[in-house]
Amino acid sequence: MKPIRTVVTVLTTVGLALAASAAPAAAAGETTRTGSLTGTVRIYDFCGPNVSKRLAGTYDYVMPGKLIIGNPITDEPNRFHLAFATNDLAAVGAVGLDSAVRLNAGSGPVTLTYWRLTTNGTRFTGELTDPHLNEAAAINLFNNQQPLIPCRPEMGQLPMPLALAAGSRISGTADSFDLKAVTTDGMAELGLHFTASS
């Protein structure tokens, strides 16, 4: 079975850079569902009194996406492999998820596992246990809108992919899931639900 690749990212000194703009492609034998990701996103900043953290805004979220569930990739400890991506990964609000990825390291191929997934009948639950920031291999991302100048959004903003933090959770079935996640910088909080339409 071919590994599923949703997003490839590079960590640089200026932050995360998104290097893909298409939803994942399914391999033979995998279950693919397209539908809508909806819910609420809460954005925070440090622009409150005495540079304190505050809620900067809340917005309703709607974005089409694709869920793929298949066999675990090589050396993935989960009973199945999960990948999800919104259709345009360059768009503000884009989400990319992948339970594990196989990479070519200097010493040879290595599998990085991000999510610990468990099953109960047709339902699954999962916890993001390691975003793999230390390996410069963060692929579970939310594309946030960041001000060019802190606390001055009127001076312009730009999309910035942020890694989801360890402890983020997912639960659902092959047709729908709920995602409760926070980015590693604590600046975005996601409460999202995917419902398949086909």
N, C-alpha and C. Protein backbone atom coordinates (compact mmCIF):
# COMPACT_ATOMS: atom_id res chain seq x y z
N MET A 1 0.83 -1.20 0.00
CA MET A 1 0.00 0.00 0.00
C MET A 1 0.87 1.25 0.00
N LYS A 2 0.49 2.21 -0.79
CA LYS A 2 1.25 3.46 -0.84
C LYS A 2 0.88 4.35 0.33
N PRO A 3 1.89 5.04 0.94
CA PRO A 3 1.54 5.96 2.03
C PRO A 3 0.69 7.12 1.54
N ILE A 4 -0.16 7.63 2.41
CA ILE A 4 -0.97 8.80 2.09
C ILE A 4 -0.18 10.03 2.46
N ARG A 5 -0.13 11.01 1.57
CA ARG A 5 0.56 12.25 1.88
C ARG A 5 -0.44 13.39 1.75
N THR A 6 -0.66 14.13 2.83
CA THR A 6 -1.59 15.25 2.76
C THR A 6 -0.87 16.57 2.62
N VAL A 7 0.14 16.77 3.41
CA VAL A 7 0.81 18.06 3.47
C VAL A 7 2.28 17.82 3.76
N VAL A 8 3.14 18.54 3.11
CA VAL A 8 4.56 18.50 3.45
C VAL A 8 4.93 19.89 3.93
N THR A 9 5.57 19.96 5.07
CA THR A 9 5.92 21.26 5.61
C THR A 9 7.39 21.34 5.92
N VAL A 10 7.89 22.54 5.97
CA VAL A 10 9.27 22.80 6.33
C VAL A 10 9.27 23.81 7.46
N LEU A 11 9.95 23.50 8.54
CA LEU A 11 10.09 24.45 9.63
C LEU A 11 11.32 25.30 9.36
N THR A 12 11.14 26.61 9.39
CA THR A 12 12.25 27.52 9.19
C THR A 12 12.34 28.44 10.39
N THR A 13 13.34 29.30 10.40
CA THR A 13 13.49 30.23 11.52
C THR A 13 12.37 31.25 11.56
N VAL A 14 11.65 31.41 10.48
CA VAL A 14 10.54 32.37 10.47
C VAL A 14 9.20 31.68 10.66
N GLY A 15 9.19 30.35 10.85
CA GLY A 15 7.93 29.67 11.13
C GLY A 15 7.66 28.55 10.16
N LEU A 16 6.41 28.09 10.15
CA LEU A 16 6.01 26.99 9.29
C LEU A 16 5.68 27.49 7.90
N ALA A 17 6.10 26.77 6.88
CA ALA A 17 5.78 27.12 5.50
C ALA A 17 5.01 25.98 4.88
N LEU A 18 3.86 26.25 4.34
CA LEU A 18 3.03 25.23 3.72
C LEU A 18 3.53 24.98 2.31
N ALA A 19 3.66 23.69 1.97
CA ALA A 19 4.24 23.36 0.67
C ALA A 19 3.34 22.45 -0.14
N ALA A 20 2.04 22.50 0.08
CA ALA A 20 1.11 21.73 -0.73
C ALA A 20 -0.21 22.46 -0.80
N SER A 21 -0.97 22.22 -1.87
CA SER A 21 -2.24 22.92 -1.99
C SER A 21 -3.33 22.03 -2.55
N ALA A 22 -3.24 20.73 -2.31
CA ALA A 22 -4.27 19.82 -2.79
C ALA A 22 -4.60 18.81 -1.71
N ALA A 23 -5.85 18.35 -1.72
CA ALA A 23 -6.26 17.33 -0.77
C ALA A 23 -5.58 16.01 -1.11
N PRO A 24 -5.49 15.07 -0.16
CA PRO A 24 -4.80 13.81 -0.40
C PRO A 24 -5.50 12.95 -1.45
N ALA A 25 -4.73 12.11 -2.11
CA ALA A 25 -5.27 11.17 -3.08
C ALA A 25 -5.37 9.80 -2.42
N ALA A 26 -6.44 9.07 -2.69
CA ALA A 26 -6.64 7.76 -2.08
C ALA A 26 -5.96 6.68 -2.90
N ALA A 27 -5.41 5.68 -2.22
CA ALA A 27 -4.84 4.52 -2.87
C ALA A 27 -5.90 3.43 -2.92
N ALA A 28 -5.61 2.36 -3.67
CA ALA A 28 -6.57 1.26 -3.80
C ALA A 28 -6.88 0.67 -2.43
N GLY A 29 -8.17 0.37 -2.18
CA GLY A 29 -8.58 -0.25 -0.94
C GLY A 29 -8.84 0.71 0.19
N GLU A 30 -8.73 1.98 -0.03
CA GLU A 30 -8.99 2.97 1.02
C GLU A 30 -10.39 3.53 0.90
N THR A 31 -10.96 3.92 2.03
CA THR A 31 -12.27 4.55 2.06
C THR A 31 -12.09 6.06 1.97
N THR A 32 -12.75 6.66 1.00
CA THR A 32 -12.65 8.10 0.80
C THR A 32 -14.03 8.73 0.92
N ARG A 33 -14.11 9.81 1.70
CA ARG A 33 -15.36 10.54 1.85
C ARG A 33 -15.08 12.03 1.65
N THR A 34 -15.90 12.67 0.85
CA THR A 34 -15.83 14.12 0.69
C THR A 34 -17.02 14.73 1.40
N GLY A 35 -16.86 15.95 1.89
CA GLY A 35 -17.93 16.60 2.60
C GLY A 35 -17.51 17.96 3.10
N SER A 36 -18.12 18.40 4.21
CA SER A 36 -17.86 19.74 4.73
C SER A 36 -17.36 19.67 6.16
N LEU A 37 -16.37 20.52 6.45
CA LEU A 37 -15.87 20.72 7.80
C LEU A 37 -16.50 22.01 8.31
N THR A 38 -17.23 21.93 9.41
CA THR A 38 -17.93 23.09 9.94
C THR A 38 -17.62 23.23 11.43
N GLY A 39 -17.96 24.36 12.00
CA GLY A 39 -17.78 24.55 13.43
C GLY A 39 -17.38 25.96 13.78
N THR A 40 -16.57 26.08 14.83
CA THR A 40 -16.17 27.39 15.35
C THR A 40 -14.67 27.42 15.57
N VAL A 41 -14.06 28.54 15.21
CA VAL A 41 -12.63 28.77 15.46
C VAL A 41 -12.51 30.00 16.35
N ARG A 42 -11.73 29.89 17.40
CA ARG A 42 -11.45 31.01 18.31
C ARG A 42 -9.99 31.41 18.14
N ILE A 43 -9.77 32.70 17.90
CA ILE A 43 -8.42 33.22 17.67
C ILE A 43 -8.03 34.10 18.86
N TYR A 44 -6.80 33.95 19.33
CA TYR A 44 -6.29 34.71 20.47
C TYR A 44 -5.09 35.55 20.04
N ASP A 45 -4.80 36.59 20.82
CA ASP A 45 -3.57 37.36 20.63
C ASP A 45 -3.10 37.87 21.99
N PHE A 46 -1.99 38.59 21.97
CA PHE A 46 -1.43 39.17 23.20
C PHE A 46 -1.54 40.70 23.15
N CYS A 47 -2.70 41.17 22.75
CA CYS A 47 -2.91 42.61 22.57
C CYS A 47 -3.80 43.20 23.65
N GLY A 48 -4.02 42.47 24.73
CA GLY A 48 -4.81 42.99 25.83
C GLY A 48 -4.00 43.90 26.73
N PRO A 49 -4.60 44.41 27.79
CA PRO A 49 -3.87 45.27 28.73
C PRO A 49 -2.60 44.60 29.23
N ASN A 50 -1.52 45.37 29.28
CA ASN A 50 -0.22 44.85 29.72
C ASN A 50 0.23 43.64 28.90
N VAL A 51 -0.10 43.68 27.61
CA VAL A 51 0.28 42.62 26.66
C VAL A 51 -0.22 41.25 27.13
N SER A 52 -1.42 41.21 27.66
CA SER A 52 -2.00 39.96 28.13
C SER A 52 -2.72 39.24 26.99
N LYS A 53 -2.83 37.92 27.14
CA LYS A 53 -3.53 37.13 26.13
C LYS A 53 -5.02 37.40 26.21
N ARG A 54 -5.64 37.52 25.05
CA ARG A 54 -7.08 37.80 25.00
C ARG A 54 -7.70 37.07 23.81
N LEU A 55 -9.02 36.92 23.85
CA LEU A 55 -9.76 36.39 22.71
C LEU A 55 -9.90 37.51 21.69
N ALA A 56 -9.28 37.33 20.52
CA ALA A 56 -9.30 38.37 19.49
C ALA A 56 -10.51 38.25 18.57
N GLY A 57 -11.06 37.05 18.46
CA GLY A 57 -12.22 36.89 17.59
C GLY A 57 -12.67 35.44 17.51
N THR A 58 -13.93 35.26 17.17
CA THR A 58 -14.52 33.94 16.96
C THR A 58 -15.25 33.97 15.64
N TYR A 59 -15.08 32.92 14.85
CA TYR A 59 -15.83 32.90 13.60
C TYR A 59 -16.35 31.49 13.30
N ASP A 60 -17.52 31.49 12.62
CA ASP A 60 -18.09 30.22 12.16
C ASP A 60 -17.26 29.73 10.98
N TYR A 61 -17.10 28.43 10.91
CA TYR A 61 -16.18 27.82 9.96
C TYR A 61 -16.93 26.88 9.03
N VAL A 62 -16.71 27.01 7.73
CA VAL A 62 -17.25 26.07 6.73
C VAL A 62 -16.21 25.93 5.64
N MET A 63 -15.78 24.69 5.37
CA MET A 63 -14.81 24.46 4.31
C MET A 63 -14.94 23.02 3.81
N PRO A 64 -14.96 22.80 2.49
CA PRO A 64 -15.03 21.44 1.98
C PRO A 64 -13.71 20.70 2.19
N GLY A 65 -13.81 19.36 2.33
CA GLY A 65 -12.60 18.58 2.53
C GLY A 65 -12.80 17.12 2.22
N LYS A 66 -11.73 16.34 2.40
CA LYS A 66 -11.73 14.92 2.07
C LYS A 66 -11.11 14.12 3.21
N LEU A 67 -11.81 13.06 3.61
CA LEU A 67 -11.35 12.13 4.64
C LEU A 67 -10.98 10.82 3.99
N ILE A 68 -9.79 10.29 4.32
CA ILE A 68 -9.34 9.00 3.81
C ILE A 68 -8.97 8.11 4.98
N ILE A 69 -9.53 6.91 5.00
CA ILE A 69 -9.19 5.90 6.00
C ILE A 69 -8.74 4.65 5.28
N GLY A 70 -7.56 4.15 5.67
CA GLY A 70 -7.01 2.96 5.01
C GLY A 70 -6.18 2.13 5.96
N ASN A 71 -5.43 1.20 5.40
CA ASN A 71 -4.54 0.36 6.18
C ASN A 71 -3.39 1.19 6.73
N PRO A 72 -2.85 0.83 7.89
CA PRO A 72 -1.71 1.58 8.42
C PRO A 72 -0.52 1.52 7.46
N ILE A 73 0.23 2.61 7.41
CA ILE A 73 1.42 2.61 6.57
C ILE A 73 2.52 1.78 7.27
N THR A 74 3.60 1.55 6.60
CA THR A 74 4.70 0.75 7.14
C THR A 74 5.14 1.27 8.51
N ASP A 75 5.15 0.39 9.50
CA ASP A 75 5.58 0.67 10.87
C ASP A 75 4.66 1.62 11.64
N GLU A 76 3.48 1.92 11.11
CA GLU A 76 2.52 2.72 11.87
C GLU A 76 1.86 1.82 12.92
N PRO A 77 1.86 2.19 14.21
CA PRO A 77 1.32 1.32 15.25
C PRO A 77 -0.21 1.29 15.32
N ASN A 78 -0.90 2.18 14.61
CA ASN A 78 -2.36 2.21 14.64
C ASN A 78 -2.96 1.06 13.84
N ARG A 79 -4.23 0.73 14.12
CA ARG A 79 -4.92 -0.32 13.37
C ARG A 79 -5.38 0.16 12.00
N PHE A 80 -5.37 1.48 11.78
CA PHE A 80 -5.72 2.03 10.48
C PHE A 80 -4.99 3.36 10.32
N HIS A 81 -4.97 3.85 9.10
CA HIS A 81 -4.34 5.14 8.79
C HIS A 81 -5.43 6.15 8.48
N LEU A 82 -5.28 7.35 9.00
CA LEU A 82 -6.26 8.41 8.78
C LEU A 82 -5.58 9.62 8.18
N ALA A 83 -6.20 10.17 7.15
CA ALA A 83 -5.72 11.43 6.55
C ALA A 83 -6.92 12.29 6.22
N PHE A 84 -6.78 13.58 6.41
CA PHE A 84 -7.84 14.53 6.08
C PHE A 84 -7.20 15.82 5.60
N ALA A 85 -7.83 16.46 4.62
CA ALA A 85 -7.38 17.79 4.20
C ALA A 85 -8.55 18.55 3.61
N THR A 86 -8.61 19.83 3.92
CA THR A 86 -9.55 20.70 3.22
C THR A 86 -9.06 20.86 1.78
N ASN A 87 -9.97 21.24 0.88
CA ASN A 87 -9.65 21.21 -0.55
C ASN A 87 -8.53 22.15 -0.96
N ASP A 88 -8.44 23.32 -0.36
CA ASP A 88 -7.39 24.28 -0.70
C ASP A 88 -6.54 24.51 0.54
N LEU A 89 -5.39 23.85 0.61
CA LEU A 89 -4.56 23.94 1.80
C LEU A 89 -3.83 25.27 1.92
N ALA A 90 -3.88 26.10 0.89
CA ALA A 90 -3.27 27.43 0.97
C ALA A 90 -4.24 28.47 1.51
N ALA A 91 -5.52 28.11 1.63
CA ALA A 91 -6.54 29.07 2.06
C ALA A 91 -6.47 29.29 3.58
N VAL A 92 -6.87 30.47 3.99
CA VAL A 92 -6.99 30.74 5.43
C VAL A 92 -8.04 29.79 6.01
N GLY A 93 -7.71 29.13 7.11
CA GLY A 93 -8.60 28.17 7.72
C GLY A 93 -8.39 26.74 7.27
N ALA A 94 -7.47 26.53 6.34
CA ALA A 94 -7.21 25.17 5.86
C ALA A 94 -6.73 24.28 7.00
N VAL A 95 -7.15 23.02 6.94
CA VAL A 95 -6.76 22.02 7.94
C VAL A 95 -6.19 20.81 7.21
N GLY A 96 -5.06 20.30 7.70
CA GLY A 96 -4.48 19.07 7.19
C GLY A 96 -4.14 18.15 8.34
N LEU A 97 -4.57 16.89 8.26
CA LEU A 97 -4.32 15.90 9.31
C LEU A 97 -3.72 14.65 8.69
N ASP A 98 -2.83 13.99 9.40
CA ASP A 98 -2.29 12.71 8.96
C ASP A 98 -1.83 11.95 10.19
N SER A 99 -2.26 10.68 10.32
CA SER A 99 -1.93 9.92 11.53
C SER A 99 -0.47 9.51 11.59
N ALA A 100 0.17 9.33 10.44
CA ALA A 100 1.59 8.96 10.40
C ALA A 100 2.11 9.25 9.01
N VAL A 101 3.43 9.35 8.89
CA VAL A 101 4.04 9.59 7.60
C VAL A 101 5.37 8.85 7.53
N ARG A 102 5.73 8.38 6.36
CA ARG A 102 7.00 7.68 6.12
C ARG A 102 7.92 8.64 5.40
N LEU A 103 9.09 8.87 5.99
CA LEU A 103 10.05 9.82 5.44
C LEU A 103 11.38 9.14 5.17
N ASN A 104 12.14 9.70 4.24
CA ASN A 104 13.50 9.25 4.00
C ASN A 104 14.44 10.09 4.83
N ALA A 105 15.03 9.48 5.86
CA ALA A 105 16.00 10.16 6.71
C ALA A 105 17.40 9.77 6.25
N GLY A 106 18.42 10.41 6.84
CA GLY A 106 19.80 10.11 6.46
C GLY A 106 20.17 8.66 6.66
N SER A 107 19.58 8.02 7.67
CA SER A 107 19.88 6.62 7.97
C SER A 107 18.93 5.65 7.28
N GLY A 108 18.00 6.18 6.48
CA GLY A 108 17.04 5.33 5.78
C GLY A 108 15.62 5.74 6.10
N PRO A 109 14.63 5.01 5.56
CA PRO A 109 13.22 5.36 5.80
C PRO A 109 12.86 5.27 7.27
N VAL A 110 12.03 6.20 7.72
CA VAL A 110 11.56 6.21 9.10
C VAL A 110 10.09 6.62 9.09
N THR A 111 9.29 6.02 9.99
CA THR A 111 7.88 6.36 10.13
C THR A 111 7.70 7.22 11.36
N LEU A 112 7.10 8.38 11.18
CA LEU A 112 6.75 9.26 12.28
C LEU A 112 5.25 9.11 12.55
N THR A 113 4.89 8.79 13.79
CA THR A 113 3.48 8.65 14.17
C THR A 113 3.04 9.90 14.93
N TYR A 114 1.92 10.47 14.52
CA TYR A 114 1.39 11.69 15.12
C TYR A 114 0.21 11.40 16.05
N TRP A 115 -0.73 10.60 15.56
CA TRP A 115 -1.96 10.33 16.29
C TRP A 115 -1.96 8.90 16.82
N ARG A 116 -2.42 8.72 18.08
CA ARG A 116 -2.71 7.40 18.62
C ARG A 116 -4.20 7.17 18.42
N LEU A 117 -4.54 6.20 17.58
CA LEU A 117 -5.93 5.94 17.19
C LEU A 117 -6.40 4.62 17.78
N THR A 118 -7.62 4.60 18.30
CA THR A 118 -8.23 3.37 18.82
C THR A 118 -9.61 3.23 18.21
N THR A 119 -10.11 1.99 18.18
CA THR A 119 -11.41 1.72 17.58
C THR A 119 -12.32 1.03 18.58
N ASN A 120 -13.62 1.24 18.39
CA ASN A 120 -14.66 0.56 19.17
C ASN A 120 -15.83 0.35 18.22
N GLY A 121 -15.89 -0.85 17.63
CA GLY A 121 -16.88 -1.09 16.59
C GLY A 121 -16.55 -0.26 15.36
N THR A 122 -17.53 0.52 14.89
CA THR A 122 -17.30 1.36 13.71
C THR A 122 -16.78 2.75 14.08
N ARG A 123 -16.63 3.02 15.37
CA ARG A 123 -16.17 4.34 15.81
C ARG A 123 -14.69 4.33 16.14
N PHE A 124 -14.07 5.49 16.01
CA PHE A 124 -12.67 5.62 16.39
C PHE A 124 -12.49 6.87 17.25
N THR A 125 -11.45 6.86 18.04
CA THR A 125 -11.03 8.04 18.79
C THR A 125 -9.53 8.18 18.60
N GLY A 126 -9.04 9.38 18.76
CA GLY A 126 -7.62 9.60 18.58
C GLY A 126 -7.12 10.80 19.35
N GLU A 127 -5.84 10.74 19.72
CA GLU A 127 -5.18 11.85 20.39
C GLU A 127 -3.87 12.13 19.66
N LEU A 128 -3.63 13.40 19.38
CA LEU A 128 -2.35 13.81 18.79
C LEU A 128 -1.30 13.75 19.89
N THR A 129 -0.37 12.82 19.78
CA THR A 129 0.61 12.61 20.85
C THR A 129 1.93 13.32 20.60
N ASP A 130 2.26 13.60 19.33
CA ASP A 130 3.53 14.27 19.02
C ASP A 130 3.39 15.02 17.71
N PRO A 131 3.50 16.37 17.72
CA PRO A 131 3.44 17.13 16.46
C PRO A 131 4.73 17.05 15.65
N HIS A 132 5.79 16.49 16.22
CA HIS A 132 7.09 16.33 15.57
C HIS A 132 7.69 17.65 15.11
N LEU A 133 7.60 18.65 15.97
CA LEU A 133 8.26 19.92 15.70
C LEU A 133 9.79 19.77 15.74
N ASN A 134 10.29 18.95 16.65
CA ASN A 134 11.74 18.78 16.78
C ASN A 134 12.36 18.18 15.53
N GLU A 135 11.58 17.40 14.79
CA GLU A 135 12.08 16.79 13.56
C GLU A 135 11.81 17.66 12.34
N ALA A 136 11.27 18.86 12.55
CA ALA A 136 10.88 19.74 11.44
C ALA A 136 9.93 19.02 10.49
N ALA A 137 8.97 18.28 11.06
CA ALA A 137 8.08 17.47 10.24
C ALA A 137 6.63 17.61 10.69
N ALA A 138 6.22 18.82 11.04
CA ALA A 138 4.83 19.06 11.43
C ALA A 138 3.94 18.99 10.20
N ILE A 139 2.96 18.08 10.21
CA ILE A 139 2.04 17.97 9.08
C ILE A 139 0.58 18.06 9.48
N ASN A 140 0.31 18.12 10.78
CA ASN A 140 -1.06 18.33 11.25
C ASN A 140 -1.20 19.81 11.54
N LEU A 141 -1.86 20.53 10.62
CA LEU A 141 -1.78 21.98 10.59
C LEU A 141 -3.13 22.67 10.48
N PHE A 142 -3.15 23.90 10.97
CA PHE A 142 -4.26 24.83 10.75
C PHE A 142 -3.67 26.10 10.17
N ASN A 143 -4.23 26.59 9.07
CA ASN A 143 -3.71 27.77 8.40
C ASN A 143 -4.36 29.03 8.97
N ASN A 144 -3.68 29.68 9.90
CA ASN A 144 -4.22 30.84 10.60
C ASN A 144 -3.93 32.12 9.82
N GLN A 145 -4.66 33.18 10.14
CA GLN A 145 -4.43 34.51 9.56
C GLN A 145 -3.63 35.32 10.58
N GLN A 146 -2.36 35.63 10.28
CA GLN A 146 -1.48 36.30 11.21
C GLN A 146 -1.24 37.75 10.79
N PRO A 147 -1.34 38.71 11.71
CA PRO A 147 -1.00 40.10 11.37
C PRO A 147 0.49 40.23 11.04
N LEU A 148 0.81 41.05 10.05
CA LEU A 148 2.21 41.31 9.72
C LEU A 148 2.90 42.02 10.88
N ILE A 149 2.16 42.87 11.56
CA ILE A 149 2.67 43.57 12.74
C ILE A 149 1.76 43.19 13.90
N PRO A 150 2.31 42.60 14.98
CA PRO A 150 1.46 42.18 16.10
C PRO A 150 0.54 43.31 16.59
N CYS A 151 -0.73 42.95 16.80
CA CYS A 151 -1.76 43.86 17.32
C CYS A 151 -2.14 44.96 16.33
N ARG A 152 -1.71 44.86 15.07
CA ARG A 152 -2.06 45.85 14.05
C ARG A 152 -2.59 45.15 12.80
N PRO A 153 -3.73 44.46 12.89
CA PRO A 153 -4.24 43.73 11.73
C PRO A 153 -4.56 44.63 10.55
N GLU A 154 -4.81 45.92 10.82
CA GLU A 154 -5.11 46.85 9.71
C GLU A 154 -3.89 47.09 8.82
N MET A 155 -2.70 46.69 9.29
CA MET A 155 -1.47 46.84 8.50
C MET A 155 -1.23 45.66 7.56
N GLY A 156 -2.16 44.74 7.56
CA GLY A 156 -2.05 43.59 6.67
C GLY A 156 -1.88 42.29 7.44
N GLN A 157 -2.36 41.22 6.82
CA GLN A 157 -2.26 39.89 7.43
C GLN A 157 -1.82 38.88 6.37
N LEU A 158 -1.29 37.77 6.84
CA LEU A 158 -0.92 36.73 5.91
C LEU A 158 -1.19 35.37 6.50
N PRO A 159 -1.59 34.38 5.64
CA PRO A 159 -1.85 33.03 6.14
C PRO A 159 -0.56 32.42 6.70
N MET A 160 -0.67 31.78 7.85
CA MET A 160 0.50 31.14 8.47
C MET A 160 0.08 29.78 9.01
N PRO A 161 0.61 28.67 8.45
CA PRO A 161 0.25 27.36 8.99
C PRO A 161 0.83 27.15 10.37
N LEU A 162 -0.02 26.73 11.30
CA LEU A 162 0.38 26.47 12.68
C LEU A 162 0.17 25.00 12.99
N ALA A 163 1.15 24.38 13.65
CA ALA A 163 1.03 22.97 14.01
C ALA A 163 0.00 22.79 15.11
N LEU A 164 -0.77 21.72 15.03
CA LEU A 164 -1.69 21.38 16.11
C LEU A 164 -0.90 20.78 17.27
N ALA A 165 -1.35 21.09 18.48
CA ALA A 165 -0.61 20.71 19.68
C ALA A 165 -0.95 19.29 20.12
N ALA A 166 0.02 18.67 20.80
CA ALA A 166 -0.23 17.38 21.45
C ALA A 166 -1.41 17.55 22.41
N GLY A 167 -2.25 16.54 22.47
CA GLY A 167 -3.46 16.61 23.27
C GLY A 167 -4.70 16.93 22.46
N SER A 168 -4.53 17.40 21.22
CA SER A 168 -5.68 17.60 20.33
C SER A 168 -6.37 16.25 20.13
N ARG A 169 -7.70 16.28 19.96
CA ARG A 169 -8.45 15.03 19.91
C ARG A 169 -9.38 14.97 18.70
N ILE A 170 -9.60 13.74 18.23
CA ILE A 170 -10.50 13.48 17.11
C ILE A 170 -11.32 12.25 17.46
N SER A 171 -12.58 12.23 17.02
CA SER A 171 -13.43 11.06 17.24
C SER A 171 -14.50 11.04 16.17
N GLY A 172 -14.88 9.81 15.76
CA GLY A 172 -15.92 9.72 14.76
C GLY A 172 -16.00 8.36 14.10
N THR A 173 -16.41 8.38 12.82
CA THR A 173 -16.56 7.18 12.00
C THR A 173 -15.96 7.47 10.64
N ALA A 174 -16.14 6.52 9.71
CA ALA A 174 -15.65 6.74 8.34
C ALA A 174 -16.45 7.81 7.62
N ASP A 175 -17.58 8.25 8.19
CA ASP A 175 -18.43 9.24 7.53
C ASP A 175 -18.44 10.60 8.21
N SER A 176 -17.95 10.69 9.45
CA SER A 176 -17.96 11.97 10.14
C SER A 176 -16.98 11.93 11.30
N PHE A 177 -16.52 13.09 11.70
CA PHE A 177 -15.67 13.16 12.89
C PHE A 177 -15.77 14.53 13.53
N ASP A 178 -15.39 14.57 14.82
CA ASP A 178 -15.26 15.82 15.57
C ASP A 178 -13.79 16.05 15.87
N LEU A 179 -13.33 17.27 15.69
CA LEU A 179 -11.94 17.64 15.97
C LEU A 179 -11.93 18.76 17.00
N LYS A 180 -11.27 18.51 18.13
CA LYS A 180 -11.05 19.52 19.16
C LYS A 180 -9.55 19.72 19.23
N ALA A 181 -9.08 20.89 18.81
CA ALA A 181 -7.63 21.09 18.70
C ALA A 181 -7.23 22.50 19.07
N VAL A 182 -5.99 22.61 19.51
CA VAL A 182 -5.36 23.90 19.80
C VAL A 182 -4.02 23.89 19.09
N THR A 183 -3.60 25.03 18.54
CA THR A 183 -2.30 25.09 17.90
C THR A 183 -1.20 25.16 18.95
N THR A 184 0.02 24.79 18.57
CA THR A 184 1.12 24.72 19.53
C THR A 184 1.44 26.07 20.16
N ASP A 185 1.13 27.16 19.48
CA ASP A 185 1.38 28.49 20.06
C ASP A 185 0.21 28.98 20.91
N GLY A 186 -0.88 28.20 20.96
CA GLY A 186 -2.05 28.57 21.76
C GLY A 186 -2.88 29.69 21.17
N MET A 187 -2.62 30.08 19.93
CA MET A 187 -3.30 31.23 19.35
C MET A 187 -4.56 30.88 18.57
N ALA A 188 -4.83 29.60 18.35
CA ALA A 188 -6.05 29.20 17.66
C ALA A 188 -6.62 27.96 18.33
N GLU A 189 -7.93 27.95 18.49
CA GLU A 189 -8.64 26.84 19.12
C GLU A 189 -9.75 26.42 18.17
N LEU A 190 -9.76 25.15 17.80
CA LEU A 190 -10.69 24.63 16.80
C LEU A 190 -11.69 23.69 17.44
N GLY A 191 -12.96 23.90 17.15
CA GLY A 191 -14.04 22.96 17.48
C GLY A 191 -14.78 22.68 16.21
N LEU A 192 -14.38 21.63 15.47
CA LEU A 192 -14.87 21.41 14.11
C LEU A 192 -15.50 20.03 13.95
N HIS A 193 -16.42 19.92 13.00
CA HIS A 193 -17.13 18.68 12.72
C HIS A 193 -17.14 18.45 11.22
N PHE A 194 -16.72 17.24 10.80
CA PHE A 194 -16.77 16.86 9.38
C PHE A 194 -17.96 15.94 9.16
N THR A 195 -18.73 16.24 8.12
CA THR A 195 -19.84 15.39 7.69
C THR A 195 -19.67 15.06 6.22
N ALA A 196 -19.66 13.77 5.90
CA ALA A 196 -19.48 13.36 4.52
C ALA A 196 -20.78 13.55 3.74
N SER A 197 -20.63 13.95 2.48
CA SER A 197 -21.77 14.07 1.58
C SER A 197 -21.69 13.04 0.46
N SER A 198 -20.53 12.47 0.25
CA SER A 198 -20.35 11.41 -0.77
C SER A 198 -19.14 10.57 -0.44
